[in-house]
Amino acid sequence: MDFNKIKLIILDNDGVLTDGKIVYNNDQIESKNYNAKDGLGIKLLQFSGIELAIITGRTSKILEKRCDDLQIELLFQGVRNKLRKTKELLNKLDLDWENVAYMGDDWNDIPVIEKCNISATPADAFDDIKSRVDLVTERKGGEAAVREFIELILKKQGKYEESLQKLLDRLMS
């Protein structure tokens, strides 16, 4: 693990940004819960110069809305092969695997977890997943695990305080 080489953080959605629950109402409308603390962590990351991407196997208008709200441009939904999509993204951004930190929570994340520089999973992932990653957050998916991961990377790179000040300046203007 070399935190200083990280230039891109890739996240899964269900079970990482959310608690993994998918709820349908009587009209078959899907809903998900996102944590505002993760949202501020993502805003903090945007002031650091590190790119953020979300690669998910499902497709969700709710996730599109969340990404619009947070100004996340690198969103890839309905992805069956996350390894292939990540390779395409790395080529597009002219980055290598050593530049990637990845947070996922299930089997479809393992191929990327095994190739990236730093891998993480939320506290509530299954033990088989936890045993394959570099870091297990103290927080569960959908309960600010993403923010914990982002803050750790920014602190290890010495970018946390400067990014925080930029975020606070923006919030106060």
C-alpha atoms as a PDB file:
ATOM      1  CA  MET A   1       0.000   0.000   0.000  1.00  0.00           C
ATOM      2  CA  ASP A   2       1.349   3.358  -1.048  1.00  0.00           C
ATOM      3  CA  PHE A   3      -1.118   6.102  -0.185  1.00  0.00           C
ATOM      4  CA  ASN A   4       0.911   8.786  -1.949  1.00  0.00           C
ATOM      5  CA  LYS A   5       0.319   7.188  -5.355  1.00  0.00           C
ATOM      6  CA  ILE A   6      -3.475   7.372  -5.130  1.00  0.00           C
ATOM      7  CA  LYS A   7      -5.004   9.592  -7.821  1.00  0.00           C
ATOM      8  CA  LEU A   8      -8.350   7.837  -8.221  1.00  0.00           C
ATOM      9  CA  ILE A   9     -10.813   6.421  -5.709  1.00  0.00           C
ATOM     10  CA  ILE A  10     -13.393   4.010  -7.105  1.00  0.00           C
ATOM     11  CA  LEU A  11     -16.490   3.080  -5.116  1.00  0.00           C
ATOM     12  CA  ASP A  12     -19.182   0.473  -5.453  1.00  0.00           C
ATOM     13  CA  ASN A  13     -22.663   1.759  -4.630  1.00  0.00           C
ATOM     14  CA  ASP A  14     -24.908  -0.810  -2.922  1.00  0.00           C
ATOM     15  CA  GLY A  15     -23.376  -1.841   0.392  1.00  0.00           C
ATOM     16  CA  VAL A  16     -20.714   0.888   0.260  1.00  0.00           C
ATOM     17  CA  LEU A  17     -22.491   4.212  -0.302  1.00  0.00           C
ATOM     18  CA  THR A  18     -25.711   2.586   0.922  1.00  0.00           C
ATOM     19  CA  ASP A  19     -26.499  -0.020   3.556  1.00  0.00           C
ATOM     20  CA  GLY A  20     -27.117  -2.519   0.756  1.00  0.00           C
ATOM     21  CA  LYS A  21     -30.876  -2.581   1.176  1.00  0.00           C
ATOM     22  CA  ILE A  22     -33.029  -2.134  -1.896  1.00  0.00           C
ATOM     23  CA  VAL A  23     -36.571  -1.138  -0.962  1.00  0.00           C
ATOM     24  CA  TYR A  24     -39.584  -1.165  -3.291  1.00  0.00           C
ATOM     25  CA  ASN A  25     -42.890   0.479  -2.407  1.00  0.00           C
ATOM     26  CA  ASN A  26     -46.321  -0.779  -3.551  1.00  0.00           C
ATOM     27  CA  ASP A  27     -45.877   1.046  -6.868  1.00  0.00           C
ATOM     28  CA  GLN A  28     -42.565  -0.796  -7.378  1.00  0.00           C
ATOM     29  CA  ILE A  29     -40.615   2.433  -6.931  1.00  0.00           C
ATOM     30  CA  GLU A  30     -37.094   1.760  -5.667  1.00  0.00           C
ATOM     31  CA  SER A  31     -35.555   3.733  -2.808  1.00  0.00           C
ATOM     32  CA  LYS A  32     -32.131   3.824  -1.192  1.00  0.00           C
ATOM     33  CA  ASN A  33     -30.608   5.723   1.704  1.00  0.00           C
ATOM     34  CA  TYR A  34     -27.445   7.786   1.311  1.00  0.00           C
ATOM     35  CA  ASN A  35     -25.487   9.295   4.179  1.00  0.00           C
ATOM     36  CA  ALA A  36     -24.887  13.062   4.194  1.00  0.00           C
ATOM     37  CA  LYS A  37     -21.560  12.434   5.966  1.00  0.00           C
ATOM     38  CA  ASP A  38     -20.366  10.449   2.950  1.00  0.00           C
ATOM     39  CA  GLY A  39     -21.552  13.320   0.766  1.00  0.00           C
ATOM     40  CA  LEU A  40     -19.401  15.836   2.617  1.00  0.00           C
ATOM     41  CA  GLY A  41     -16.487  13.415   2.462  1.00  0.00           C
ATOM     42  CA  ILE A  42     -16.892  13.278  -1.310  1.00  0.00           C
ATOM     43  CA  LYS A  43     -17.025  17.085  -1.483  1.00  0.00           C
ATOM     44  CA  LEU A  44     -13.830  17.158   0.594  1.00  0.00           C
ATOM     45  CA  LEU A  45     -12.182  14.768  -1.864  1.00  0.00           C
ATOM     46  CA  GLN A  46     -13.140  16.997  -4.789  1.00  0.00           C
ATOM     47  CA  PHE A  47     -10.962  19.769  -3.334  1.00  0.00           C
ATOM     48  CA  SER A  48      -7.941  17.443  -3.148  1.00  0.00           C
ATOM     49  CA  GLY A  49      -7.333  16.812  -6.839  1.00  0.00           C
ATOM     50  CA  ILE A  50      -8.042  13.081  -6.480  1.00  0.00           C
ATOM     51  CA  GLU A  51     -10.609  11.758  -8.968  1.00  0.00           C
ATOM     52  CA  LEU A  52     -13.680   9.806  -7.844  1.00  0.00           C
ATOM     53  CA  ALA A  53     -15.578   7.193  -9.832  1.00  0.00           C
ATOM     54  CA  ILE A  54     -18.512   4.952  -9.014  1.00  0.00           C
ATOM     55  CA  ILE A  55     -18.760   1.592 -10.769  1.00  0.00           C
ATOM     56  CA  THR A  56     -21.841  -0.459  -9.967  1.00  0.00           C
ATOM     57  CA  GLY A  57     -23.472  -3.583 -11.301  1.00  0.00           C
ATOM     58  CA  ARG A  58     -26.990  -2.220 -10.925  1.00  0.00           C
ATOM     59  CA  THR A  59     -28.671   0.711 -12.660  1.00  0.00           C
ATOM     60  CA  SER A  60     -30.495   3.276 -10.559  1.00  0.00           C
ATOM     61  CA  LYS A  61     -32.025   6.689 -11.229  1.00  0.00           C
ATOM     62  CA  ILE A  62     -31.583   7.348  -7.517  1.00  0.00           C
ATOM     63  CA  LEU A  63     -27.819   6.966  -7.864  1.00  0.00           C
ATOM     64  CA  GLU A  64     -27.856   9.257 -10.912  1.00  0.00           C
ATOM     65  CA  LYS A  65     -29.603  11.901  -8.784  1.00  0.00           C
ATOM     66  CA  ARG A  66     -27.106  11.458  -5.955  1.00  0.00           C
ATOM     67  CA  CYS A  67     -24.197  11.843  -8.388  1.00  0.00           C
ATOM     68  CA  ASP A  68     -25.794  14.948  -9.907  1.00  0.00           C
ATOM     69  CA  ASP A  69     -26.209  16.432  -6.421  1.00  0.00           C
ATOM     70  CA  LEU A  70     -22.544  15.741  -5.594  1.00  0.00           C
ATOM     71  CA  GLN A  71     -21.208  16.639  -9.063  1.00  0.00           C
ATOM     72  CA  ILE A  72     -19.741  13.170  -9.612  1.00  0.00           C
ATOM     73  CA  GLU A  73     -19.110  12.802 -13.338  1.00  0.00           C
ATOM     74  CA  LEU A  74     -17.479   9.359 -13.461  1.00  0.00           C
ATOM     75  CA  LEU A  75     -20.525   7.140 -12.931  1.00  0.00           C
ATOM     76  CA  PHE A  76     -20.737   3.730 -14.588  1.00  0.00           C
ATOM     77  CA  GLN A  77     -23.913   1.711 -14.008  1.00  0.00           C
ATOM     78  CA  GLY A  78     -25.021  -1.736 -15.128  1.00  0.00           C
ATOM     79  CA  VAL A  79     -21.407  -2.912 -15.249  1.00  0.00           C
ATOM     80  CA  ARG A  80     -21.060  -6.697 -15.331  1.00  0.00           C
ATOM     81  CA  ASN A  81     -17.270  -6.743 -15.534  1.00  0.00           C
ATOM     82  CA  LYS A  82     -15.848  -4.155 -13.136  1.00  0.00           C
ATOM     83  CA  LEU A  83     -12.275  -5.152 -13.943  1.00  0.00           C
ATOM     84  CA  ARG A  84     -12.733  -4.387 -17.640  1.00  0.00           C
ATOM     85  CA  LYS A  85     -14.515  -1.092 -16.894  1.00  0.00           C
ATOM     86  CA  THR A  86     -11.749  -0.074 -14.483  1.00  0.00           C
ATOM     87  CA  LYS A  87      -9.084  -0.839 -17.105  1.00  0.00           C
ATOM     88  CA  GLU A  88     -10.983   1.341 -19.599  1.00  0.00           C
ATOM     89  CA  LEU A  89     -11.196   4.147 -17.046  1.00  0.00           C
ATOM     90  CA  LEU A  90      -7.493   3.922 -16.228  1.00  0.00           C
ATOM     91  CA  ASN A  91      -6.662   4.164 -19.939  1.00  0.00           C
ATOM     92  CA  LYS A  92      -8.963   7.171 -20.324  1.00  0.00           C
ATOM     93  CA  LEU A  93      -7.400   8.958 -17.316  1.00  0.00           C
ATOM     94  CA  ASP A  94      -3.850   7.824 -18.188  1.00  0.00           C
ATOM     95  CA  LEU A  95      -3.437   6.146 -14.796  1.00  0.00           C
ATOM     96  CA  ASP A  96      -2.153   2.772 -13.598  1.00  0.00           C
ATOM     97  CA  TRP A  97      -3.330   0.294 -10.956  1.00  0.00           C
ATOM     98  CA  GLU A  98      -0.909   1.787  -8.424  1.00  0.00           C
ATOM     99  CA  ASN A  99      -2.966   4.996  -8.611  1.00  0.00           C
ATOM    100  CA  VAL A 100      -6.232   3.296  -7.574  1.00  0.00           C
ATOM    101  CA  ALA A 101      -7.901   2.980  -4.191  1.00  0.00           C
ATOM    102  CA  TYR A 102     -11.056   0.861  -4.357  1.00  0.00           C
ATOM    103  CA  MET A 103     -13.897   0.260  -1.923  1.00  0.00           C
ATOM    104  CA  GLY A 104     -16.246  -2.643  -2.547  1.00  0.00           C
ATOM    105  CA  ASP A 105     -18.194  -5.089  -0.447  1.00  0.00           C
ATOM    106  CA  ASP A 106     -18.924  -8.266  -2.387  1.00  0.00           C
ATOM    107  CA  TRP A 107     -17.670 -10.913  -4.809  1.00  0.00           C
ATOM    108  CA  ASN A 108     -18.128  -8.827  -7.952  1.00  0.00           C
ATOM    109  CA  ASP A 109     -15.603  -6.340  -6.514  1.00  0.00           C
ATOM    110  CA  ILE A 110     -12.820  -8.892  -5.909  1.00  0.00           C
ATOM    111  CA  PRO A 111     -11.140  -8.721  -9.352  1.00  0.00           C
ATOM    112  CA  VAL A 112     -10.541  -4.976  -8.895  1.00  0.00           C
ATOM    113  CA  ILE A 113      -9.679  -5.357  -5.208  1.00  0.00           C
ATOM    114  CA  GLU A 114      -6.917  -7.800  -6.147  1.00  0.00           C
ATOM    115  CA  LYS A 115      -5.306  -5.431  -8.688  1.00  0.00           C
ATOM    116  CA  CYS A 116      -5.530  -1.982  -7.099  1.00  0.00           C
ATOM    117  CA  ASN A 117      -2.980  -0.338  -4.799  1.00  0.00           C
ATOM    118  CA  ILE A 118      -5.286   0.078  -1.797  1.00  0.00           C
ATOM    119  CA  SER A 119      -8.520  -1.815  -1.222  1.00  0.00           C
ATOM    120  CA  ALA A 120     -11.139  -1.379   1.471  1.00  0.00           C
ATOM    121  CA  THR A 121     -14.501  -2.705   2.526  1.00  0.00           C
ATOM    122  CA  PRO A 122     -17.086  -1.515   5.070  1.00  0.00           C
ATOM    123  CA  ALA A 123     -17.262  -3.106   8.518  1.00  0.00           C
ATOM    124  CA  ASP A 124     -20.400  -5.078   7.655  1.00  0.00           C
ATOM    125  CA  ALA A 125     -18.958  -6.907   4.644  1.00  0.00           C
ATOM    126  CA  PHE A 126     -18.753 -10.685   4.851  1.00  0.00           C
ATOM    127  CA  ASP A 127     -15.587 -12.149   6.365  1.00  0.00           C
ATOM    128  CA  ASP A 128     -14.484 -13.652   3.036  1.00  0.00           C
ATOM    129  CA  ILE A 129     -14.405 -10.152   1.559  1.00  0.00           C
ATOM    130  CA  LYS A 130     -12.723  -8.629   4.614  1.00  0.00           C
ATOM    131  CA  SER A 131      -9.928 -11.184   4.359  1.00  0.00           C
ATOM    132  CA  ARG A 132      -9.112 -10.030   0.811  1.00  0.00           C
ATOM    133  CA  VAL A 133      -8.790  -6.260   1.358  1.00  0.00           C
ATOM    134  CA  ASP A 134      -6.108  -4.020   2.823  1.00  0.00           C
ATOM    135  CA  LEU A 135      -8.471  -2.037   5.068  1.00  0.00           C
ATOM    136  CA  VAL A 136     -11.759  -2.653   6.835  1.00  0.00           C
ATOM    137  CA  THR A 137     -13.470   0.540   7.955  1.00  0.00           C
ATOM    138  CA  GLU A 138     -14.900   0.903  11.435  1.00  0.00           C
ATOM    139  CA  ARG A 139     -18.156   2.125   9.923  1.00  0.00           C
ATOM    140  CA  LYS A 140     -20.713   0.109   7.981  1.00  0.00           C
ATOM    141  CA  GLY A 141     -21.787   0.673   4.394  1.00  0.00           C
ATOM    142  CA  GLY A 142     -24.149   3.641   4.163  1.00  0.00           C
ATOM    143  CA  GLU A 143     -22.999   4.836   7.597  1.00  0.00           C
ATOM    144  CA  ALA A 144     -20.018   7.022   6.561  1.00  0.00           C
ATOM    145  CA  ALA A 145     -17.603   4.209   5.652  1.00  0.00           C
ATOM    146  CA  VAL A 146     -16.793   6.117   2.455  1.00  0.00           C
ATOM    147  CA  ARG A 147     -15.975   9.280   4.375  1.00  0.00           C
ATOM    148  CA  GLU A 148     -13.726   7.300   6.715  1.00  0.00           C
ATOM    149  CA  PHE A 149     -11.845   5.863   3.704  1.00  0.00           C
ATOM    150  CA  ILE A 150     -11.538   9.250   1.988  1.00  0.00           C
ATOM    151  CA  GLU A 151     -10.321  11.019   5.117  1.00  0.00           C
ATOM    152  CA  LEU A 152      -7.719   8.317   5.753  1.00  0.00           C
ATOM    153  CA  ILE A 153      -6.300   8.694   2.242  1.00  0.00           C
ATOM    154  CA  LEU A 154      -6.265  12.492   2.421  1.00  0.00           C
ATOM    155  CA  LYS A 155      -4.543  12.441   5.818  1.00  0.00           C
ATOM    156  CA  LYS A 156      -1.929   9.938   4.631  1.00  0.00           C
ATOM    157  CA  GLN A 157      -1.236  12.169   1.606  1.00  0.00           C
ATOM    158  CA  GLY A 158      -1.053  15.323   3.732  1.00  0.00           C
ATOM    159  CA  LYS A 159      -3.981  16.854   1.809  1.00  0.00           C
ATOM    160  CA  TYR A 160      -6.645  16.710   4.491  1.00  0.00           C
ATOM    161  CA  GLU A 161      -6.215  20.115   6.152  1.00  0.00           C
ATOM    162  CA  GLU A 162      -5.886  22.031   2.882  1.00  0.00           C
ATOM    163  CA  SER A 163      -8.895  20.255   1.356  1.00  0.00           C
ATOM    164  CA  LEU A 164     -10.915  20.843   4.514  1.00  0.00           C
ATOM    165  CA  GLN A 165     -10.082  24.549   4.477  1.00  0.00           C
ATOM    166  CA  LYS A 166     -11.158  24.810   0.826  1.00  0.00           C
ATOM    167  CA  LEU A 167     -14.406  23.012   1.647  1.00  0.00           C
ATOM    168  CA  LEU A 168     -15.082  25.263   4.638  1.00  0.00           C
ATOM    169  CA  ASP A 169     -14.340  28.370   2.568  1.00  0.00           C
ATOM    170  CA  ARG A 170     -16.849  27.188  -0.050  1.00  0.00           C
ATOM    171  CA  LEU A 171     -19.483  26.389   2.581  1.00  0.00           C
ATOM    172  CA  MET A 172     -19.070  29.825   4.170  1.00  0.00           C
ATOM    173  CA  SER A 173     -19.174  31.837   0.927  1.00  0.00           C
END
